[in-house]
Each structure stands twice: as C-alpha cells, then as structure tokens.
Amino acid sequence: MRKNSTKLVFLVILVIISVLLYGFYDIKGGFDYAFPKRVVKILAMIVTGVAISYATVVFQTITHNRILTPSIMGMGSMYEVVQTLIYFFAGSMSVWVVNRYLNFGAAILAMVLFALILYRFLFRSDKHPIYLLLLIGMIIGTLLGSFVTFLQVLIDPVEYLSLQTMLFASFTKVKAELLYIAIGILIVSFIYGYRIMDKLDVMSLGRENAMNLGINYDRMVMNILILSSVLIATSTALVGPITFLGLIVANLAYQYLVTYKHSILILGASLISIIALVGGQFLVEHIFELRTTLSVIINFIGGIYFIYLLLKESRAA
C-alpha cells in the first residue's frame, strides 16, 4: 500500500508539471486573454481523461478482460454516425450544429441508447465468450464506419470539410458552457461510483464468487454499463472520439500499480490519462506546431499496444 502511495505521488507530481508547463509556456498575446483559454483546455483534458479512465477500468472489471473497452465496442463509431446524419440531413448551418447544447445532448443520448441496446443483448449472464464480444463489437464498429463513409461521399464537399472538424478529438474547440455540463455529469457519476467502489473489488473475483458474497451481480453489471456509457458518451461528445486512450491508460495502471483495489487503479489510470493528454497536447502545439492532432498520435500508439495485448493474451491462452 505504501509503495503504491509513493507511485501515486510521483504521478501527481508529473500531472502538476504537465499542467504548469502547458498552462504557462510560451504564452503569446495578452496573458488575460490566452491563459483563461488554456485553463478551459486543461479542464477539458482532465474531464476527458478521468471519464475515459474510470469508464474503462470498471468496464474491464465486469467483462473480466483487459482488452475490451467501451470505445472499442463501437461508441466512437456511433458518435461519427450521429454527426454525419446531422450534416447529411440538416446541414452545417442547422440548429443541431450551431446550437452546441443540442449537438452535445443529441450525441450523448444516441451513444448511451446504442450502448444500452448493445450491452442488453451481449452481456446476458456471461453467455458469450469474451472474444465473441470483441469480434461483435469490432464488426459493429466497422459497419458503422462503412455507413458513415457512404454518407460522407454523398455530402457536399464544403459540408464534408466542416464535418471532419467534428470527427477528430480536439481540445481547441471546447466550449466553456459545455465543459461545465460535462463536469456536472462527471461529479454525479463519481458520487454513485464512490458508493459501489467496494462492490467493484468483489466483482473482480468473478460472477459466482461475487454472488456468493452477496452481490446482485446482474443488476450491478447493468448499472456499471450505464455508468461507463454515460462517461464515455460525455467525453466523446465534449472533445470527439479517442478510441485507444482508455486501453492504454488502464493497462498501464494495472502494470504500474499491481493491485486489485479499484480506488487506486482508477486514480492511477486517471493521473496517467491526464499526463498523456496534457503532455501530448503540449507536444502537438509546441513541437509539432499543430501539424497533427493528439487523437491521431494516441490512436496510432494505442493501435500498436492493442495488437501487443492481443498477442500477449493469445500466448497466455
């Protein structure tokens, strides 16, 4: 426990360094104008990192697999479908695009409903092997991606260019008013999550053991699925899809902290996620000079890491 406390303190120090470096390095123009904008970006990265980390860790607990994440199961693809349908039928100047509240709410609602329908049929008393779930999730994501591509071919080129800005994760377009809503959702989710933290530790022992210890397993699984769906949907609607971030930070937390306690794992994964997002955005803006996006870098690294984990799991089996 003391060893993990030291590791967490080290991560906190790295978070502080990353935040200070991004917040104060090379501020151009008026400080009163530039610094508040950077604070909004930092808060967005913190909200996104914590939401994705929490959702991924608890999702992997109930699936008993460290490869599956809500994003890999098609949540990011559903966000692309929602935005593409809005642009296809209503256009970039419609109220569903101009009004950020409507766009934000529609994206969250669609993704949560999609997740509930998907999970309702797949996660039914552990009837399906974990690799079948992974296969189904990736097939659904591919189908949704093909559907999005088909619609984008038919969209006016100018509309298409406008749509592309919505489909890549970006912390430069975050609106402060949407950030406050996301923070509120995160706080409510964490209040519930704090109450079930001990139950998560028990559920990691498996279905039979958890039920023998008095856990209403099926009900808890559904509640956790709803919780993870809301968190992923909120982070995606706020900044855009980052498919592999949760996979990376959750597995790094498992390897770095080596504990079954979810309170430590979630905190560690959240801190690693904040370091990755804030530090990565610093590199994107000041080293790569915005020639690429943070989501592209994370998805590239995450894709390689995902293949590594698949190969590792197959050798272990």
Protein backbone atom coordinates (compact mmCIF):
# COMPACT_ATOMS: atom_id res chain seq x y z
CA MET A 1 0.00 0.00 0.00
CA ARG A 2 2.83 2.39 0.92
CA LYS A 3 4.62 1.53 -2.33
CA ASN A 4 1.52 2.41 -4.35
CA SER A 5 1.14 5.66 -2.42
CA THR A 6 4.66 6.63 -3.48
CA LYS A 7 3.85 5.75 -7.11
CA LEU A 8 0.68 7.84 -6.99
CA VAL A 9 2.56 10.81 -5.53
CA PHE A 10 5.03 10.52 -8.43
CA LEU A 11 2.14 10.59 -10.92
CA VAL A 12 0.62 13.63 -9.17
CA ILE A 13 3.97 15.46 -9.49
CA LEU A 14 4.05 14.64 -13.22
CA VAL A 15 0.48 15.91 -13.58
CA ILE A 16 1.37 19.20 -11.88
CA ILE A 17 4.46 19.63 -14.06
CA SER A 18 2.45 18.88 -17.22
CA VAL A 19 -0.32 21.30 -16.28
CA LEU A 20 2.06 24.11 -15.34
CA LEU A 21 4.14 23.59 -18.47
CA TYR A 22 1.12 23.65 -20.77
CA GLY A 23 -0.56 26.48 -18.89
CA PHE A 24 2.33 28.94 -18.80
CA TYR A 25 4.82 28.01 -21.54
CA ASP A 26 5.20 30.48 -24.42
CA ILE A 27 2.01 32.49 -23.87
CA LYS A 28 1.68 34.85 -26.81
CA GLY A 29 -0.51 37.93 -26.82
CA GLY A 30 -2.26 39.21 -23.73
CA PHE A 31 -1.98 36.95 -20.69
CA ASP A 32 -5.54 37.81 -19.62
CA TYR A 33 -6.82 36.56 -22.98
CA ALA A 34 -4.62 33.49 -23.58
CA PHE A 35 -4.39 32.00 -20.08
CA PRO A 36 -8.18 31.51 -19.49
CA LYS A 37 -8.41 29.70 -22.82
CA ARG A 38 -5.63 27.37 -21.78
CA VAL A 39 -7.37 26.74 -18.46
CA VAL A 40 -10.52 25.66 -20.35
CA LYS A 41 -8.42 23.25 -22.45
CA ILE A 42 -6.72 21.84 -19.35
CA LEU A 43 -10.05 21.31 -17.61
CA ALA A 44 -11.40 19.60 -20.73
CA MET A 45 -8.39 17.28 -20.80
CA ILE A 46 -8.81 16.47 -17.11
CA VAL A 47 -12.54 15.74 -17.51
CA THR A 48 -11.91 13.64 -20.62
CA GLY A 49 -9.03 11.72 -19.08
CA VAL A 50 -10.81 10.95 -15.82
CA ALA A 51 -14.07 9.96 -17.54
CA ILE A 52 -12.38 7.61 -20.02
CA SER A 53 -10.14 6.07 -17.35
CA TYR A 54 -13.00 5.43 -14.93
CA ALA A 55 -15.27 4.01 -17.63
CA THR A 56 -12.57 1.70 -18.99
CA VAL A 57 -11.44 0.27 -15.66
CA VAL A 58 -14.97 -0.55 -14.46
CA PHE A 59 -15.93 -1.89 -17.91
CA GLN A 60 -12.95 -4.25 -17.87
CA THR A 61 -13.88 -5.36 -14.36
CA ILE A 62 -17.32 -6.61 -15.37
CA THR A 63 -16.04 -8.15 -18.63
CA HIS A 64 -13.02 -9.67 -16.85
CA ASN A 65 -10.83 -8.75 -19.78
CA ARG A 66 -8.20 -6.06 -20.23
CA ILE A 67 -8.61 -5.78 -23.99
CA LEU A 68 -12.24 -4.69 -24.18
CA THR A 69 -13.12 -1.02 -23.76
CA PRO A 70 -16.38 0.85 -24.38
CA SER A 71 -14.75 2.70 -27.29
CA ILE A 72 -13.57 -0.48 -28.99
CA MET A 73 -17.14 -1.80 -28.72
CA GLY A 74 -18.32 0.93 -31.11
CA MET A 75 -19.05 4.05 -29.02
CA GLY A 76 -16.75 6.27 -31.08
CA SER A 77 -18.28 5.00 -34.32
CA MET A 78 -21.75 5.83 -33.05
CA TYR A 79 -20.63 9.41 -32.40
CA GLU A 80 -19.46 9.65 -36.01
CA VAL A 81 -22.83 8.30 -37.19
CA VAL A 82 -24.74 10.93 -35.21
CA GLN A 83 -22.67 13.83 -36.51
CA THR A 84 -22.72 12.55 -40.09
CA LEU A 85 -26.50 12.10 -40.05
CA ILE A 86 -26.94 15.64 -38.74
CA TYR A 87 -24.78 17.07 -41.51
CA PHE A 88 -26.36 14.83 -44.16
CA PHE A 89 -29.99 15.66 -43.40
CA ALA A 90 -29.78 19.13 -41.80
CA GLY A 91 -26.50 20.70 -42.94
CA SER A 92 -23.74 22.59 -41.15
CA MET A 93 -25.91 25.67 -40.57
CA SER A 94 -28.77 23.79 -38.89
CA VAL A 95 -29.68 24.37 -35.26
CA TRP A 96 -28.35 20.87 -34.44
CA VAL A 97 -24.86 22.05 -35.35
CA VAL A 98 -24.94 25.73 -34.45
CA ASN A 99 -26.52 25.11 -31.05
CA ARG A 100 -23.76 23.28 -29.18
CA TYR A 101 -26.16 22.28 -26.39
CA LEU A 102 -28.42 20.41 -28.81
CA ASN A 103 -25.48 18.76 -30.56
CA PHE A 104 -23.91 17.77 -27.23
CA GLY A 105 -27.19 16.36 -25.87
CA ALA A 106 -28.07 14.50 -29.07
CA ALA A 107 -24.64 12.86 -29.21
CA ILE A 108 -24.78 11.74 -25.57
CA LEU A 109 -28.34 10.42 -25.85
CA ALA A 110 -27.64 8.47 -29.05
CA MET A 111 -24.45 6.89 -27.72
CA VAL A 112 -25.99 5.89 -24.38
CA LEU A 113 -29.01 4.33 -26.11
CA PHE A 114 -26.73 2.50 -28.54
CA ALA A 115 -24.62 1.17 -25.68
CA LEU A 116 -27.64 0.02 -23.64
CA ILE A 117 -29.15 -1.83 -26.62
CA LEU A 118 -25.81 -3.43 -27.47
CA TYR A 119 -25.00 -4.44 -23.91
CA ARG A 120 -28.53 -5.65 -23.25
CA PHE A 121 -28.15 -8.34 -25.91
CA LEU A 122 -24.47 -9.17 -25.41
CA PHE A 123 -23.96 -9.12 -21.65
CA ARG A 124 -26.52 -11.61 -20.53
CA SER A 125 -25.31 -13.80 -17.65
CA ASP A 126 -21.86 -14.33 -19.26
CA LYS A 127 -23.37 -16.48 -22.01
CA HIS A 128 -20.97 -15.24 -24.69
CA PRO A 129 -17.17 -15.82 -24.81
CA ILE A 130 -15.14 -12.65 -24.41
CA TYR A 131 -13.55 -12.90 -27.85
CA LEU A 132 -17.00 -13.21 -29.43
CA LEU A 133 -17.93 -9.93 -27.74
CA LEU A 134 -14.76 -8.34 -29.06
CA LEU A 135 -15.48 -9.64 -32.56
CA ILE A 136 -19.09 -8.42 -32.48
CA GLY A 137 -18.05 -5.01 -31.20
CA MET A 138 -15.41 -4.57 -33.88
CA ILE A 139 -17.80 -5.77 -36.62
CA ILE A 140 -20.43 -3.27 -35.47
CA GLY A 141 -17.80 -0.53 -35.41
CA THR A 142 -16.71 -1.46 -38.95
CA LEU A 143 -20.31 -1.48 -40.22
CA LEU A 144 -21.00 1.91 -38.67
CA GLY A 145 -17.76 3.23 -40.13
CA SER A 146 -18.73 1.99 -43.61
CA PHE A 147 -22.16 3.58 -43.24
CA VAL A 148 -20.54 6.89 -42.25
CA THR A 149 -18.18 6.73 -45.23
CA PHE A 150 -21.10 6.08 -47.59
CA LEU A 151 -22.99 9.12 -46.30
CA GLN A 152 -19.90 11.32 -46.42
CA VAL A 153 -19.39 10.52 -50.11
CA LEU A 154 -22.84 11.98 -50.80
CA ILE A 155 -22.34 15.12 -48.71
CA ASP A 156 -21.41 18.42 -50.35
CA PRO A 157 -17.59 18.89 -50.24
CA VAL A 158 -17.86 22.09 -48.19
CA GLU A 159 -20.16 20.36 -45.70
CA TYR A 160 -17.74 17.42 -45.63
CA LEU A 161 -14.81 19.63 -44.64
CA SER A 162 -16.89 21.16 -41.87
CA LEU A 163 -17.92 17.68 -40.68
CA GLN A 164 -14.32 16.50 -40.45
CA THR A 165 -13.61 19.04 -37.72
CA MET A 166 -16.27 17.30 -35.61
CA LEU A 167 -14.94 13.77 -36.09
CA PHE A 168 -11.44 14.21 -34.68
CA ALA A 169 -10.79 14.79 -31.00
CA SER A 170 -9.79 18.39 -30.43
CA PHE A 171 -9.31 20.43 -27.27
CA THR A 172 -9.11 23.74 -29.15
CA LYS A 173 -12.85 23.90 -29.91
CA VAL A 174 -14.18 23.10 -26.41
CA LYS A 175 -16.89 25.47 -25.23
CA ALA A 176 -16.75 26.50 -21.59
CA GLU A 177 -20.52 26.13 -21.14
CA LEU A 178 -20.40 22.52 -22.36
CA LEU A 179 -17.42 21.87 -20.11
CA TYR A 180 -19.47 22.88 -17.05
CA ILE A 181 -22.20 20.41 -18.05
CA ALA A 182 -19.60 17.65 -18.51
CA ILE A 183 -18.10 18.42 -15.10
CA GLY A 184 -21.58 18.17 -13.55
CA ILE A 185 -22.18 14.77 -15.20
CA LEU A 186 -18.76 13.61 -14.02
CA ILE A 187 -19.44 14.66 -10.42
CA VAL A 188 -22.82 12.88 -10.32
CA SER A 189 -21.26 9.75 -11.84
CA PHE A 190 -18.45 9.78 -9.32
CA ILE A 191 -20.85 10.13 -6.39
CA TYR A 192 -22.52 6.90 -7.49
CA GLY A 193 -19.18 5.31 -8.38
CA TYR A 194 -17.78 6.03 -4.93
CA ARG A 195 -20.69 4.17 -3.33
CA ILE A 196 -20.02 1.00 -5.34
CA MET A 197 -16.21 1.01 -5.14
CA ASP A 198 -16.05 -1.87 -2.65
CA LYS A 199 -18.53 -3.88 -4.74
CA LEU A 200 -16.26 -3.46 -7.76
CA ASP A 201 -13.42 -5.07 -5.80
CA VAL A 202 -15.68 -8.05 -5.07
CA MET A 203 -16.96 -8.28 -8.67
CA SER A 204 -13.41 -8.64 -9.93
CA LEU A 205 -13.40 -12.09 -8.27
CA GLY A 206 -15.92 -13.36 -10.84
CA ARG A 207 -19.65 -13.86 -11.11
CA GLU A 208 -20.05 -16.89 -8.84
CA ASN A 209 -17.76 -15.60 -6.09
CA ALA A 210 -19.41 -12.17 -6.14
CA MET A 211 -22.91 -13.65 -5.89
CA ASN A 212 -21.79 -15.90 -3.02
CA LEU A 213 -20.58 -12.78 -1.21
CA GLY A 214 -23.99 -11.11 -1.53
CA ILE A 215 -23.59 -9.01 -4.69
CA ASN A 216 -26.62 -8.68 -7.00
CA TYR A 217 -24.30 -9.32 -9.93
CA ASP A 218 -26.61 -8.88 -12.93
CA ARG A 219 -28.07 -5.63 -11.58
CA MET A 220 -24.61 -4.27 -10.78
CA VAL A 221 -23.36 -5.17 -14.28
CA MET A 222 -26.20 -3.22 -15.89
CA ASN A 223 -25.66 -0.23 -13.58
CA ILE A 224 -21.94 -0.18 -14.34
CA LEU A 225 -22.59 -0.47 -18.06
CA ILE A 226 -24.89 2.54 -17.87
CA LEU A 227 -22.28 4.44 -15.85
CA SER A 228 -19.44 3.67 -18.26
CA SER A 229 -21.65 4.51 -21.25
CA VAL A 230 -22.57 7.91 -19.81
CA LEU A 231 -18.92 8.74 -19.06
CA ILE A 232 -17.63 7.69 -22.48
CA ALA A 233 -20.51 9.44 -24.24
CA THR A 234 -19.85 12.65 -22.27
CA SER A 235 -16.12 12.71 -23.02
CA THR A 236 -16.69 11.87 -26.70
CA ALA A 237 -19.41 14.50 -27.14
CA LEU A 238 -17.19 17.08 -25.44
CA VAL A 239 -13.95 16.69 -27.45
CA GLY A 240 -14.51 13.90 -30.01
CA PRO A 241 -13.57 10.20 -30.10
CA ILE A 242 -10.22 8.95 -28.72
CA THR A 243 -10.55 5.22 -29.28
CA PHE A 244 -7.47 3.74 -27.63
CA LEU A 245 -6.79 6.12 -24.74
CA GLY A 246 -8.72 4.03 -22.20
CA LEU A 247 -6.99 0.83 -23.31
CA ILE A 248 -3.55 2.38 -22.87
CA VAL A 249 -4.02 4.10 -19.51
CA ALA A 250 -5.97 1.26 -17.87
CA ASN A 251 -3.38 -1.37 -18.76
CA LEU A 252 -0.51 0.91 -17.76
CA ALA A 253 -2.24 1.40 -14.39
CA TYR A 254 -2.57 -2.39 -13.92
CA GLN A 255 1.12 -2.90 -14.64
CA TYR A 256 2.34 0.12 -12.69
CA LEU A 257 0.28 -0.26 -9.52
CA VAL A 258 -0.31 -4.06 -9.36
CA THR A 259 -3.37 -4.00 -7.07
CA TYR A 260 -6.98 -5.16 -7.07
CA LYS A 261 -8.25 -2.02 -5.29
CA HIS A 262 -10.35 -0.04 -7.75
CA SER A 263 -9.93 3.19 -5.82
CA ILE A 264 -6.17 3.03 -6.50
CA LEU A 265 -6.48 1.70 -10.06
CA ILE A 266 -8.98 4.37 -11.14
CA LEU A 267 -6.94 7.16 -9.54
CA GLY A 268 -3.73 5.87 -11.15
CA ALA A 269 -5.35 5.45 -14.58
CA SER A 270 -6.85 8.95 -14.34
CA LEU A 271 -3.50 10.52 -13.48
CA ILE A 272 -1.75 8.68 -16.33
CA SER A 273 -4.52 9.80 -18.68
CA ILE A 274 -4.15 13.44 -17.67
CA ILE A 275 -0.38 13.26 -18.17
CA ALA A 276 -0.88 11.70 -21.62
CA LEU A 277 -3.46 14.29 -22.71
CA VAL A 278 -1.86 17.44 -21.28
CA GLY A 279 1.69 16.38 -22.14
CA GLY A 280 0.61 15.14 -25.57
CA GLN A 281 -1.27 18.35 -26.36
CA PHE A 282 1.82 20.33 -25.33
CA LEU A 283 3.89 18.36 -27.86
CA VAL A 284 1.23 18.79 -30.56
CA GLU A 285 1.07 22.57 -30.13
CA HIS A 286 4.72 23.43 -29.42
CA ILE A 287 6.78 20.65 -31.02
CA PHE A 288 4.63 19.52 -33.97
CA GLU A 289 3.15 23.04 -34.33
CA LEU A 290 -0.39 21.69 -34.83
CA ARG A 291 0.59 19.71 -37.94
CA THR A 292 -1.17 16.71 -36.41
CA THR A 293 -3.79 16.07 -33.72
CA LEU A 294 -3.47 14.42 -30.35
CA SER A 295 -6.08 11.78 -31.20
CA VAL A 296 -4.04 10.63 -34.22
CA ILE A 297 -0.96 10.11 -32.06
CA ILE A 298 -2.87 8.33 -29.30
CA ASN A 299 -4.75 6.09 -31.72
CA PHE A 300 -1.52 5.18 -33.52
CA ILE A 301 0.26 4.25 -30.29
CA GLY A 302 -2.90 2.61 -28.94
CA GLY A 303 -3.35 0.51 -32.07
CA ILE A 304 0.16 -0.91 -31.72
CA TYR A 305 -0.41 -1.50 -28.00
CA PHE A 306 -3.74 -3.20 -28.74
CA ILE A 307 -2.03 -5.65 -31.13
CA TYR A 308 0.60 -6.32 -28.47
CA LEU A 309 -2.07 -7.11 -25.88
CA LEU A 310 -3.90 -9.42 -28.30
CA LEU A 311 -0.70 -11.34 -28.99
CA LYS A 312 0.07 -11.48 -25.27
CA GLU A 313 -3.41 -12.81 -24.47
CA SER A 314 -3.18 -15.46 -27.23
CA ARG A 315 0.18 -16.70 -25.93
CA ALA A 316 -1.17 -16.82 -22.38
CA ALA A 317 -4.18 -18.88 -23.55
